Amino acid sequence: MQTINQIDELLEISIVTMPAYTGTSVEVGQRSRSLARFQELEKLNIALELEALRLNS
């Protein structure tokens, strides 16, 4: 069992609809943007494949 005797700093980070400070902002991380772009390209690829199948039949 461990006991915490001292805490130097406690940070709480959460996204809220009404920020406490006017200079506060939030951005989507690069990983999320990359995933969204990948999903978009996959949808386009599927649409192209379906169109190719339609043209070949």
C-alpha atoms as a PDB file:
ATOM      1  CA  MET A   1       0.000   0.000   0.000  1.00  0.00           C
ATOM      2  CA  GLN A   2       1.263   3.479  -0.864  1.00  0.00           C
ATOM      3  CA  THR A   3       0.441   6.778   0.794  1.00  0.00           C
ATOM      4  CA  ILE A   4       0.681  10.119  -0.994  1.00  0.00           C
ATOM      5  CA  ASN A   5       2.094  12.663   1.433  1.00  0.00           C
ATOM      6  CA  GLN A   6       2.558  15.651  -0.875  1.00  0.00           C
ATOM      7  CA  ILE A   7       1.244  16.852  -4.241  1.00  0.00           C
ATOM      8  CA  ASP A   8       3.207  19.582  -6.024  1.00  0.00           C
ATOM      9  CA  GLU A   9       0.608  20.369  -8.656  1.00  0.00           C
ATOM     10  CA  LEU A  10      -2.815  19.022  -9.574  1.00  0.00           C
ATOM     11  CA  LEU A  11      -4.050  19.635 -13.109  1.00  0.00           C
ATOM     12  CA  GLU A  12      -7.565  19.016 -14.317  1.00  0.00           C
ATOM     13  CA  ILE A  13      -8.102  19.221 -18.059  1.00  0.00           C
ATOM     14  CA  SER A  14     -11.487  18.913 -19.726  1.00  0.00           C
ATOM     15  CA  ILE A  15     -13.284  20.339 -22.742  1.00  0.00           C
ATOM     16  CA  VAL A  16     -16.254  22.499 -21.814  1.00  0.00           C
ATOM     17  CA  THR A  17     -18.817  24.500 -23.763  1.00  0.00           C
ATOM     18  CA  MET A  18     -18.224  27.689 -21.751  1.00  0.00           C
ATOM     19  CA  PRO A  19     -14.473  28.219 -21.128  1.00  0.00           C
ATOM     20  CA  ALA A  20     -13.343  30.021 -17.977  1.00  0.00           C
ATOM     21  CA  TYR A  21     -10.931  32.253 -19.919  1.00  0.00           C
ATOM     22  CA  THR A  22     -11.543  34.098 -23.206  1.00  0.00           C
ATOM     23  CA  GLY A  23      -8.154  33.033 -24.570  1.00  0.00           C
ATOM     24  CA  THR A  24      -8.957  29.328 -24.216  1.00  0.00           C
ATOM     25  CA  SER A  25      -9.153  27.227 -27.380  1.00  0.00           C
ATOM     26  CA  VAL A  26      -9.253  23.566 -28.358  1.00  0.00           C
ATOM     27  CA  GLU A  27      -7.981  21.887 -31.525  1.00  0.00           C
ATOM     28  CA  VAL A  28      -8.409  18.422 -32.947  1.00  0.00           C
ATOM     29  CA  GLY A  29      -5.173  16.470 -32.713  1.00  0.00           C
ATOM     30  CA  GLN A  30      -3.238  15.494 -35.823  1.00  0.00           C
ATOM     31  CA  ARG A  31      -4.024  11.816 -35.304  1.00  0.00           C
ATOM     32  CA  SER A  32      -7.761  12.532 -35.461  1.00  0.00           C
ATOM     33  CA  ARG A  33      -7.353  14.628 -38.604  1.00  0.00           C
ATOM     34  CA  SER A  34      -5.328  11.865 -40.242  1.00  0.00           C
ATOM     35  CA  LEU A  35      -8.006   9.313 -39.367  1.00  0.00           C
ATOM     36  CA  ALA A  36     -10.745  11.542 -40.775  1.00  0.00           C
ATOM     37  CA  ARG A  37      -8.766  12.009 -44.003  1.00  0.00           C
ATOM     38  CA  PHE A  38      -8.154   8.248 -44.248  1.00  0.00           C
ATOM     39  CA  GLN A  39     -11.870   7.555 -43.800  1.00  0.00           C
ATOM     40  CA  GLU A  40     -12.725  10.147 -46.458  1.00  0.00           C
ATOM     41  CA  LEU A  41     -10.297   8.550 -48.921  1.00  0.00           C
ATOM     42  CA  GLU A  42     -11.685   5.089 -48.165  1.00  0.00           C
ATOM     43  CA  LYS A  43     -15.215   6.298 -48.967  1.00  0.00           C
ATOM     44  CA  LEU A  44     -13.997   7.766 -52.252  1.00  0.00           C
ATOM     45  CA  ASN A  45     -12.178   4.534 -53.090  1.00  0.00           C
ATOM     46  CA  ILE A  46     -15.318   2.481 -52.428  1.00  0.00           C
ATOM     47  CA  ALA A  47     -17.385   4.845 -54.585  1.00  0.00           C
ATOM     48  CA  LEU A  48     -14.875   4.484 -57.435  1.00  0.00           C
ATOM     49  CA  GLU A  49     -14.873   0.698 -57.138  1.00  0.00           C
ATOM     50  CA  LEU A  50     -18.679   0.606 -57.194  1.00  0.00           C
ATOM     51  CA  GLU A  51     -18.732   2.850 -60.246  1.00  0.00           C
ATOM     52  CA  ALA A  52     -16.195   0.615 -62.002  1.00  0.00           C
ATOM     53  CA  LEU A  53     -18.354  -2.449 -61.228  1.00  0.00           C
ATOM     54  CA  ARG A  54     -21.430  -0.660 -62.554  1.00  0.00           C
ATOM     55  CA  LEU A  55     -19.633   0.255 -65.790  1.00  0.00           C
ATOM     56  CA  ASN A  56     -18.315  -3.296 -66.270  1.00  0.00           C
ATOM     57  CA  SER A  57     -21.720  -4.959 -65.923  1.00  0.00           C
END
